[in-house]
Structure formats: structure tokens, C-alpha cells
């Protein structure tokens, strides 16, 4: 119920000012939380069309693509978010997860390393440790692949 009310407000904002990228992003976030990933992607795409230099819309569209297991599309969105905000640890972290899902361990480890570095410098030690754990897991997985081959 709370989400439905918020959605109605964002549609009103859209009618008053159709160039409100933030309204599209917020509406996309809510639609994703409601389980409508395709509508969420549509809203993030509208935000990107409205304001193509806003990294948050690419980031959230990437998250939504990952929910749909569209990992290559998620990587494209995270890469654009990284291009626009190169010190964004979350974009590197989630792009690392997408690379991992596609089996690209080298790219995944590289992104997790950058994520850990940026999380650490921002004081987010818990997230840095999470990224480092993913690195250790992938390195072990890589060693296991080598020993089997």
C-alpha cells in the first residue's frame, strides 16, 4: 500500500515535470521492490534518457538486470556507472558479482579488488571485507579449476 501511494506521487511529478530523472529512478526502485523488474528497467531507462550523465540510474538498472539474470547487460550498466563515477565501490562490487556469474574470474577479482580499496578508503570496512572474501573464494575456485585440468 505504501509503495502504491509513492508510485502515484511519482506519476504526478512526471506529469508536472517530465524531465525529473530522480522521479524515474525512485519509481524504478519501487517497481523493482514490488517485483516488476521490467517496469523498473523502463523507468531507469527513462532516467538515463533524461539525464545520461547520472551514474545512479545505470547502477540501479544494472542491479535490476542482475535480478533478471541478464548479467551481460548488468555489466554494461555497471561499466557506464563506473565511467561516470570511477570511485564508486558498489558499482565495482556488483559488476564483480556479474562477472563471477558469467565465469570470468579474472575480471571479477579485479573489480572486487577495486571495490575493496574504495570501500576501505571510505571507512566501510565491512563491505571491504565482503569484497576480500569474494576474492579469496574466487582465487580458491581458480586453483581448483587448475588442479582438475
N, C-alpha and C. Protein backbone atom coordinates (compact mmCIF):
# COMPACT_ATOMS: atom_id res chain seq x y z
N UNK A 1 0.83 -1.20 0.00
CA UNK A 1 0.00 0.00 0.00
C UNK A 1 0.87 1.25 0.00
N UNK A 2 1.89 1.26 0.83
CA UNK A 2 2.80 2.40 0.93
C UNK A 2 3.46 2.66 -0.43
N UNK A 3 3.86 1.59 -1.13
CA UNK A 3 4.50 1.73 -2.43
C UNK A 3 3.53 2.30 -3.45
N UNK A 4 2.29 1.84 -3.43
CA UNK A 4 1.31 2.32 -4.40
C UNK A 4 1.11 3.82 -4.28
N UNK A 5 1.07 4.31 -3.07
CA UNK A 5 0.91 5.75 -2.85
C UNK A 5 2.13 6.51 -3.39
N UNK A 6 3.30 5.98 -3.16
CA UNK A 6 4.52 6.62 -3.65
C UNK A 6 4.55 6.62 -5.18
N UNK A 7 4.15 5.52 -5.78
CA UNK A 7 4.11 5.44 -7.25
C UNK A 7 3.19 6.51 -7.82
N UNK A 8 2.01 6.68 -7.21
CA UNK A 8 1.07 7.72 -7.68
C UNK A 8 1.71 9.10 -7.60
N UNK A 9 2.44 9.36 -6.54
CA UNK A 9 3.11 10.66 -6.40
C UNK A 9 4.16 10.85 -7.48
N UNK A 10 4.92 9.81 -7.77
CA UNK A 10 5.95 9.94 -8.81
C UNK A 10 5.32 10.15 -10.19
N UNK A 11 4.16 9.53 -10.44
CA UNK A 11 3.48 9.78 -11.71
C UNK A 11 3.01 11.23 -11.78
N UNK A 12 2.56 11.79 -10.66
CA UNK A 12 2.17 13.20 -10.63
C UNK A 12 3.36 14.10 -10.91
N UNK A 13 4.50 13.79 -10.30
CA UNK A 13 5.72 14.57 -10.54
C UNK A 13 6.08 14.50 -12.02
N UNK A 14 5.94 13.31 -12.59
CA UNK A 14 6.27 13.10 -14.00
C UNK A 14 5.39 13.99 -14.89
N UNK A 15 4.11 14.09 -14.57
CA UNK A 15 3.21 14.93 -15.37
C UNK A 15 3.58 16.40 -15.22
N UNK A 16 3.98 16.82 -14.03
CA UNK A 16 4.33 18.22 -13.80
C UNK A 16 5.67 18.59 -14.43
N UNK A 17 6.62 17.66 -14.36
CA UNK A 17 7.95 17.92 -14.91
C UNK A 17 8.52 16.62 -15.47
N UNK A 18 8.28 16.36 -16.76
CA UNK A 18 8.71 15.09 -17.33
C UNK A 18 10.23 14.91 -17.41
N UNK A 19 11.01 15.91 -17.05
CA UNK A 19 12.47 15.82 -17.12
C UNK A 19 13.08 15.54 -15.75
N UNK A 20 12.31 14.94 -14.86
CA UNK A 20 12.76 14.63 -13.50
C UNK A 20 13.38 13.25 -13.45
N UNK A 21 14.68 13.16 -13.68
CA UNK A 21 15.36 11.86 -13.66
C UNK A 21 15.23 11.19 -12.29
N UNK A 22 15.28 11.97 -11.23
CA UNK A 22 15.19 11.39 -9.88
C UNK A 22 13.85 10.70 -9.67
N UNK A 23 12.79 11.27 -10.21
CA UNK A 23 11.46 10.64 -10.07
C UNK A 23 11.44 9.30 -10.79
N UNK A 24 12.03 9.24 -11.98
CA UNK A 24 12.09 7.96 -12.70
C UNK A 24 12.91 6.93 -11.93
N UNK A 25 14.03 7.38 -11.36
CA UNK A 25 14.87 6.45 -10.57
C UNK A 25 14.11 5.93 -9.35
N UNK A 26 13.45 6.83 -8.65
CA UNK A 26 12.70 6.42 -7.46
C UNK A 26 11.55 5.48 -7.83
N UNK A 27 10.88 5.80 -8.91
CA UNK A 27 9.79 4.94 -9.35
C UNK A 27 10.34 3.58 -9.78
N UNK A 28 11.48 3.57 -10.44
CA UNK A 28 12.11 2.31 -10.83
C UNK A 28 12.47 1.47 -9.62
N UNK A 29 13.01 2.12 -8.59
CA UNK A 29 13.38 1.41 -7.37
C UNK A 29 12.15 0.76 -6.74
N UNK A 30 11.07 1.51 -6.66
CA UNK A 30 9.84 0.98 -6.05
C UNK A 30 9.28 -0.17 -6.89
N UNK A 31 9.27 0.01 -8.22
CA UNK A 31 8.74 -1.06 -9.08
C UNK A 31 9.58 -2.33 -8.93
N UNK A 32 10.89 -2.17 -8.77
CA UNK A 32 11.75 -3.33 -8.56
C UNK A 32 11.41 -4.00 -7.24
N UNK A 33 11.23 -3.21 -6.20
CA UNK A 33 10.87 -3.76 -4.88
C UNK A 33 9.53 -4.48 -4.93
N UNK A 34 8.64 -4.01 -5.80
CA UNK A 34 7.33 -4.65 -5.96
C UNK A 34 7.41 -5.91 -6.82
N UNK A 35 8.57 -6.15 -7.42
CA UNK A 35 8.75 -7.34 -8.23
C UNK A 35 8.55 -7.14 -9.72
N UNK A 36 8.26 -5.92 -10.14
CA UNK A 36 8.07 -5.65 -11.57
C UNK A 36 9.38 -5.13 -12.15
N UNK A 37 10.29 -6.07 -12.43
CA UNK A 37 11.64 -5.70 -12.88
C UNK A 37 11.62 -5.02 -14.25
N UNK A 38 10.73 -5.45 -15.14
CA UNK A 38 10.71 -4.85 -16.47
C UNK A 38 10.25 -3.40 -16.42
N UNK A 39 9.27 -3.10 -15.59
CA UNK A 39 8.84 -1.70 -15.45
C UNK A 39 9.94 -0.89 -14.77
N UNK A 40 10.64 -1.50 -13.83
CA UNK A 40 11.76 -0.82 -13.19
C UNK A 40 12.81 -0.45 -14.22
N UNK A 41 13.16 -1.39 -15.09
CA UNK A 41 14.15 -1.12 -16.15
C UNK A 41 13.66 0.01 -17.05
N UNK A 42 12.38 0.01 -17.39
CA UNK A 42 11.82 1.09 -18.22
C UNK A 42 11.99 2.44 -17.55
N UNK A 43 11.73 2.49 -16.25
CA UNK A 43 11.87 3.75 -15.53
C UNK A 43 13.33 4.19 -15.44
N UNK A 44 14.24 3.25 -15.19
CA UNK A 44 15.66 3.62 -15.16
C UNK A 44 16.12 4.09 -16.53
N UNK A 45 15.61 3.47 -17.58
CA UNK A 45 15.96 3.89 -18.93
C UNK A 45 15.46 5.30 -19.20
N UNK A 46 14.26 5.62 -18.75
CA UNK A 46 13.75 7.00 -18.88
C UNK A 46 14.64 7.97 -18.12
N UNK A 47 15.10 7.58 -16.94
CA UNK A 47 16.00 8.44 -16.17
C UNK A 47 17.30 8.67 -16.94
N UNK A 48 17.82 7.62 -17.56
CA UNK A 48 19.06 7.73 -18.33
C UNK A 48 18.85 8.62 -19.56
N UNK A 49 17.72 8.46 -20.22
CA UNK A 49 17.43 9.31 -21.38
C UNK A 49 17.29 10.77 -20.97
N UNK A 50 16.73 10.99 -19.79
CA UNK A 50 16.53 12.35 -19.29
C UNK A 50 17.85 12.98 -18.83
N UNK A 51 18.67 12.17 -18.19
CA UNK A 51 19.92 12.67 -17.62
C UNK A 51 21.01 11.61 -17.82
N UNK A 52 21.61 11.55 -19.01
CA UNK A 52 22.54 10.46 -19.33
C UNK A 52 23.84 10.46 -18.53
N UNK A 53 24.12 11.52 -17.81
CA UNK A 53 25.36 11.59 -17.02
C UNK A 53 25.14 11.25 -15.55
N UNK A 54 24.01 10.65 -15.23
CA UNK A 54 23.70 10.31 -13.84
C UNK A 54 24.01 8.84 -13.59
N UNK A 55 25.10 8.55 -12.85
CA UNK A 55 25.52 7.15 -12.68
C UNK A 55 24.54 6.29 -11.90
N UNK A 56 23.75 6.88 -11.02
CA UNK A 56 22.87 6.07 -10.15
C UNK A 56 21.82 5.32 -10.97
N UNK A 57 21.34 5.92 -12.06
CA UNK A 57 20.34 5.24 -12.89
C UNK A 57 20.94 4.01 -13.56
N UNK A 58 22.18 4.13 -14.03
CA UNK A 58 22.86 2.97 -14.63
C UNK A 58 23.08 1.89 -13.57
N UNK A 59 23.49 2.32 -12.38
CA UNK A 59 23.76 1.36 -11.31
C UNK A 59 22.51 0.57 -10.95
N UNK A 60 21.40 1.27 -10.73
CA UNK A 60 20.17 0.57 -10.34
C UNK A 60 19.59 -0.25 -11.49
N UNK A 61 19.77 0.21 -12.71
CA UNK A 61 19.31 -0.62 -13.83
C UNK A 61 20.16 -1.89 -13.89
N UNK A 62 21.46 -1.76 -13.59
CA UNK A 62 22.32 -2.94 -13.52
C UNK A 62 21.86 -3.92 -12.46
N UNK A 63 21.52 -3.41 -11.28
CA UNK A 63 21.01 -4.29 -10.22
C UNK A 63 19.76 -5.03 -10.69
N UNK A 64 18.89 -4.30 -11.36
CA UNK A 64 17.65 -4.91 -11.83
C UNK A 64 17.93 -5.94 -12.92
N UNK A 65 18.87 -5.63 -13.81
CA UNK A 65 19.26 -6.61 -14.83
C UNK A 65 19.79 -7.88 -14.17
N UNK A 66 20.54 -7.72 -13.10
CA UNK A 66 21.07 -8.90 -12.40
C UNK A 66 19.95 -9.72 -11.78
N UNK A 67 18.93 -9.06 -11.26
CA UNK A 67 17.80 -9.80 -10.71
C UNK A 67 17.16 -10.69 -11.78
N UNK A 68 17.20 -10.22 -13.02
CA UNK A 68 16.64 -10.98 -14.14
C UNK A 68 17.68 -11.93 -14.75
N UNK A 69 18.84 -11.99 -14.14
CA UNK A 69 19.96 -12.82 -14.61
C UNK A 69 20.46 -12.42 -15.99
N UNK A 70 20.30 -11.15 -16.32
CA UNK A 70 20.86 -10.57 -17.55
C UNK A 70 22.23 -9.99 -17.19
N UNK A 71 23.17 -10.87 -16.92
CA UNK A 71 24.45 -10.43 -16.36
C UNK A 71 25.28 -9.59 -17.33
N UNK A 72 25.24 -9.90 -18.62
CA UNK A 72 26.00 -9.10 -19.59
C UNK A 72 25.44 -7.68 -19.65
N UNK A 73 24.12 -7.54 -19.63
CA UNK A 73 23.51 -6.21 -19.63
C UNK A 73 23.82 -5.48 -18.33
N UNK A 74 23.83 -6.21 -17.23
CA UNK A 74 24.19 -5.61 -15.94
C UNK A 74 25.62 -5.07 -15.99
N UNK A 75 26.53 -5.85 -16.57
CA UNK A 75 27.92 -5.41 -16.68
C UNK A 75 28.01 -4.12 -17.49
N UNK A 76 27.26 -4.05 -18.58
CA UNK A 76 27.25 -2.82 -19.39
C UNK A 76 26.80 -1.63 -18.56
N UNK A 77 25.74 -1.81 -17.78
CA UNK A 77 25.24 -0.70 -16.95
C UNK A 77 26.23 -0.33 -15.85
N UNK A 78 26.80 -1.33 -15.18
CA UNK A 78 27.79 -1.03 -14.14
C UNK A 78 29.01 -0.35 -14.73
N UNK A 79 29.41 -0.77 -15.93
CA UNK A 79 30.57 -0.16 -16.58
C UNK A 79 30.31 1.32 -16.87
N UNK A 80 29.11 1.63 -17.28
CA UNK A 80 28.76 3.03 -17.52
C UNK A 80 28.73 3.81 -16.20
N UNK A 81 28.22 3.19 -15.15
CA UNK A 81 28.23 3.84 -13.83
C UNK A 81 29.66 4.10 -13.38
N UNK A 82 30.55 3.14 -13.62
CA UNK A 82 31.97 3.30 -13.26
C UNK A 82 32.61 4.41 -14.09
N UNK A 83 32.26 4.47 -15.37
CA UNK A 83 32.81 5.53 -16.23
C UNK A 83 32.42 6.91 -15.70
N UNK A 84 31.18 7.02 -15.25
CA UNK A 84 30.67 8.31 -14.77
C UNK A 84 31.09 8.61 -13.33
N UNK A 85 31.31 7.57 -12.54
CA UNK A 85 31.71 7.74 -11.13
C UNK A 85 32.79 6.70 -10.83
N UNK A 86 34.03 6.96 -11.26
CA UNK A 86 35.08 5.93 -11.17
C UNK A 86 35.49 5.53 -9.75
N UNK A 87 35.02 6.24 -8.75
CA UNK A 87 35.36 5.87 -7.37
C UNK A 87 34.16 5.28 -6.63
N UNK A 88 33.23 4.69 -7.39
CA UNK A 88 32.02 4.10 -6.81
C UNK A 88 32.26 2.64 -6.45
N UNK A 89 32.48 2.32 -5.18
CA UNK A 89 32.79 0.94 -4.83
C UNK A 89 31.65 -0.04 -5.13
N UNK A 90 30.41 0.39 -4.96
CA UNK A 90 29.28 -0.52 -5.18
C UNK A 90 29.20 -0.96 -6.63
N UNK A 91 29.48 -0.05 -7.57
CA UNK A 91 29.43 -0.41 -8.99
C UNK A 91 30.48 -1.47 -9.31
N UNK A 92 31.68 -1.31 -8.75
CA UNK A 92 32.72 -2.33 -8.97
C UNK A 92 32.32 -3.66 -8.33
N UNK A 93 31.77 -3.58 -7.12
CA UNK A 93 31.41 -4.80 -6.40
C UNK A 93 30.36 -5.60 -7.17
N UNK A 94 29.30 -4.93 -7.57
CA UNK A 94 28.22 -5.65 -8.25
C UNK A 94 28.62 -6.07 -9.67
N UNK A 95 29.48 -5.28 -10.31
CA UNK A 95 29.99 -5.73 -11.61
C UNK A 95 30.83 -6.99 -11.40
N UNK A 96 31.59 -7.03 -10.30
CA UNK A 96 32.34 -8.24 -9.97
C UNK A 96 31.43 -9.45 -9.80
N UNK A 97 30.30 -9.25 -9.14
CA UNK A 97 29.34 -10.36 -9.00
C UNK A 97 28.82 -10.82 -10.35
N UNK A 98 28.55 -9.87 -11.25
CA UNK A 98 28.06 -10.23 -12.58
C UNK A 98 29.13 -10.98 -13.36
N UNK A 99 30.38 -10.49 -13.29
CA UNK A 99 31.48 -11.22 -13.95
C UNK A 99 31.58 -12.63 -13.40
N UNK A 100 31.44 -12.75 -12.09
CA UNK A 100 31.52 -14.06 -11.44
C UNK A 100 30.43 -14.99 -11.99
N UNK A 101 29.22 -14.48 -12.11
CA UNK A 101 28.12 -15.30 -12.64
C UNK A 101 28.39 -15.78 -14.06
N UNK A 102 29.14 -14.97 -14.83
CA UNK A 102 29.47 -15.35 -16.20
C UNK A 102 30.72 -16.21 -16.27
N UNK A 103 31.34 -16.46 -15.11
CA UNK A 103 32.53 -17.31 -15.07
C UNK A 103 33.83 -16.62 -15.40
N UNK A 104 33.82 -15.29 -15.46
CA UNK A 104 35.02 -14.52 -15.76
C UNK A 104 35.72 -14.14 -14.45
N UNK A 105 36.50 -15.06 -13.93
CA UNK A 105 37.12 -14.88 -12.62
C UNK A 105 38.12 -13.74 -12.58
N UNK A 106 38.91 -13.57 -13.63
CA UNK A 106 39.93 -12.51 -13.64
C UNK A 106 39.27 -11.14 -13.52
N UNK A 107 38.23 -10.90 -14.33
CA UNK A 107 37.52 -9.62 -14.28
C UNK A 107 36.83 -9.44 -12.94
N UNK A 108 36.24 -10.52 -12.43
CA UNK A 108 35.55 -10.45 -11.14
C UNK A 108 36.52 -10.07 -10.03
N UNK A 109 37.67 -10.72 -9.99
CA UNK A 109 38.67 -10.43 -8.95
C UNK A 109 39.15 -8.98 -9.07
N UNK A 110 39.40 -8.52 -10.29
CA UNK A 110 39.86 -7.14 -10.49
C UNK A 110 38.83 -6.15 -9.94
N UNK A 111 37.55 -6.40 -10.22
CA UNK A 111 36.51 -5.49 -9.71
C UNK A 111 36.36 -5.58 -8.19
N UNK A 112 36.46 -6.78 -7.64
CA UNK A 112 36.38 -6.91 -6.18
C UNK A 112 37.56 -6.21 -5.50
N UNK A 113 38.74 -6.26 -6.13
CA UNK A 113 39.90 -5.57 -5.56
C UNK A 113 39.67 -4.06 -5.52
N UNK A 114 39.15 -3.50 -6.61
CA UNK A 114 38.86 -2.06 -6.64
C UNK A 114 37.76 -1.72 -5.64
N UNK A 115 36.74 -2.55 -5.58
CA UNK A 115 35.65 -2.31 -4.62
C UNK A 115 36.20 -2.30 -3.20
N UNK A 116 37.02 -3.29 -2.87
CA UNK A 116 37.59 -3.37 -1.52
C UNK A 116 38.41 -2.12 -1.21
N UNK A 117 39.20 -1.69 -2.18
CA UNK A 117 40.04 -0.50 -1.98
C UNK A 117 39.18 0.73 -1.72
N UNK A 118 38.16 0.95 -2.56
CA UNK A 118 37.31 2.13 -2.39
C UNK A 118 36.45 2.04 -1.13
N UNK A 119 35.94 0.86 -0.82
CA UNK A 119 35.18 0.71 0.43
C UNK A 119 36.08 1.03 1.62
N UNK A 120 37.30 0.50 1.60
CA UNK A 120 38.22 0.70 2.72
C UNK A 120 38.54 2.18 2.91
N UNK A 121 38.83 2.89 1.82
CA UNK A 121 39.18 4.32 1.94
C UNK A 121 37.99 5.16 2.39
N UNK A 122 36.78 4.65 2.17
CA UNK A 122 35.58 5.36 2.63
C UNK A 122 35.17 4.95 4.03
N UNK A 123 35.93 4.06 4.64
CA UNK A 123 35.63 3.65 6.00
C UNK A 123 34.59 2.55 6.12
N UNK A 124 34.23 1.95 5.01
CA UNK A 124 33.24 0.87 5.02
C UNK A 124 33.98 -0.46 5.08
N UNK A 125 34.51 -0.76 6.25
CA UNK A 125 35.35 -1.94 6.41
C UNK A 125 34.57 -3.24 6.22
N UNK A 126 33.33 -3.26 6.64
CA UNK A 126 32.51 -4.47 6.47
C UNK A 126 32.37 -4.82 4.99
N UNK A 127 32.06 -3.81 4.18
CA UNK A 127 31.92 -4.06 2.74
C UNK A 127 33.26 -4.41 2.10
N UNK A 128 34.33 -3.77 2.57
CA UNK A 128 35.66 -4.11 2.05
C UNK A 128 35.99 -5.57 2.35
N UNK A 129 35.67 -6.01 3.55
CA UNK A 129 35.94 -7.40 3.93
C UNK A 129 35.09 -8.37 3.10
N UNK A 130 33.87 -7.96 2.80
CA UNK A 130 33.00 -8.79 1.96
C UNK A 130 33.62 -8.97 0.56
N UNK A 131 34.14 -7.88 0.01
CA UNK A 131 34.79 -7.95 -1.30
C UNK A 131 36.03 -8.84 -1.23
N UNK A 132 36.80 -8.70 -0.15
CA UNK A 132 38.01 -9.51 0.01
C UNK A 132 37.67 -11.00 0.15
N UNK A 133 36.57 -11.30 0.82
CA UNK A 133 36.13 -12.71 0.93
C UNK A 133 35.77 -13.27 -0.44
N UNK A 134 35.13 -12.45 -1.26
CA UNK A 134 34.81 -12.90 -2.62
C UNK A 134 36.08 -13.18 -3.42
N UNK A 135 37.09 -12.33 -3.23
CA UNK A 135 38.37 -12.55 -3.92
C UNK A 135 38.96 -13.89 -3.50
N UNK A 136 39.01 -14.13 -2.20
CA UNK A 136 39.58 -15.39 -1.69
C UNK A 136 38.82 -16.59 -2.24
N UNK A 137 37.50 -16.48 -2.28
CA UNK A 137 36.67 -17.57 -2.80
C UNK A 137 36.97 -17.83 -4.28
N UNK A 138 37.09 -16.75 -5.06
CA UNK A 138 37.36 -16.90 -6.48
C UNK A 138 38.77 -17.42 -6.74
N UNK A 139 39.72 -16.97 -5.93
CA UNK A 139 41.08 -17.49 -6.09
C UNK A 139 41.12 -18.98 -5.80
N UNK A 140 40.40 -19.41 -4.78
CA UNK A 140 40.32 -20.84 -4.47
C UNK A 140 39.65 -21.59 -5.61
N UNK A 141 38.59 -21.01 -6.13
CA UNK A 141 37.88 -21.63 -7.26
C UNK A 141 38.81 -21.76 -8.46
N UNK A 142 39.62 -20.73 -8.70
CA UNK A 142 40.59 -20.77 -9.80
C UNK A 142 41.63 -21.85 -9.59
N UNK A 143 42.12 -21.99 -8.35
CA UNK A 143 43.08 -23.05 -8.04
C UNK A 143 42.45 -24.43 -8.24
N UNK A 144 41.20 -24.57 -7.84
CA UNK A 144 40.50 -25.85 -8.02
C UNK A 144 40.35 -26.18 -9.50
N UNK A 145 40.06 -25.17 -10.31
CA UNK A 145 39.93 -25.40 -11.76
C UNK A 145 41.26 -25.87 -12.34
N UNK A 146 42.36 -25.25 -11.87
CA UNK A 146 43.68 -25.61 -12.39
C UNK A 146 44.07 -27.02 -11.98
N UNK A 147 43.73 -27.43 -10.77
CA UNK A 147 44.12 -28.76 -10.30
C UNK A 147 43.32 -29.86 -10.99
N UNK A 148 42.11 -29.54 -11.44
CA UNK A 148 41.28 -30.51 -12.14
C UNK A 148 41.77 -30.67 -13.58
N UNK A 149 42.22 -29.59 -14.16
CA UNK A 149 42.66 -29.61 -15.56
C UNK A 149 43.98 -30.27 -15.68
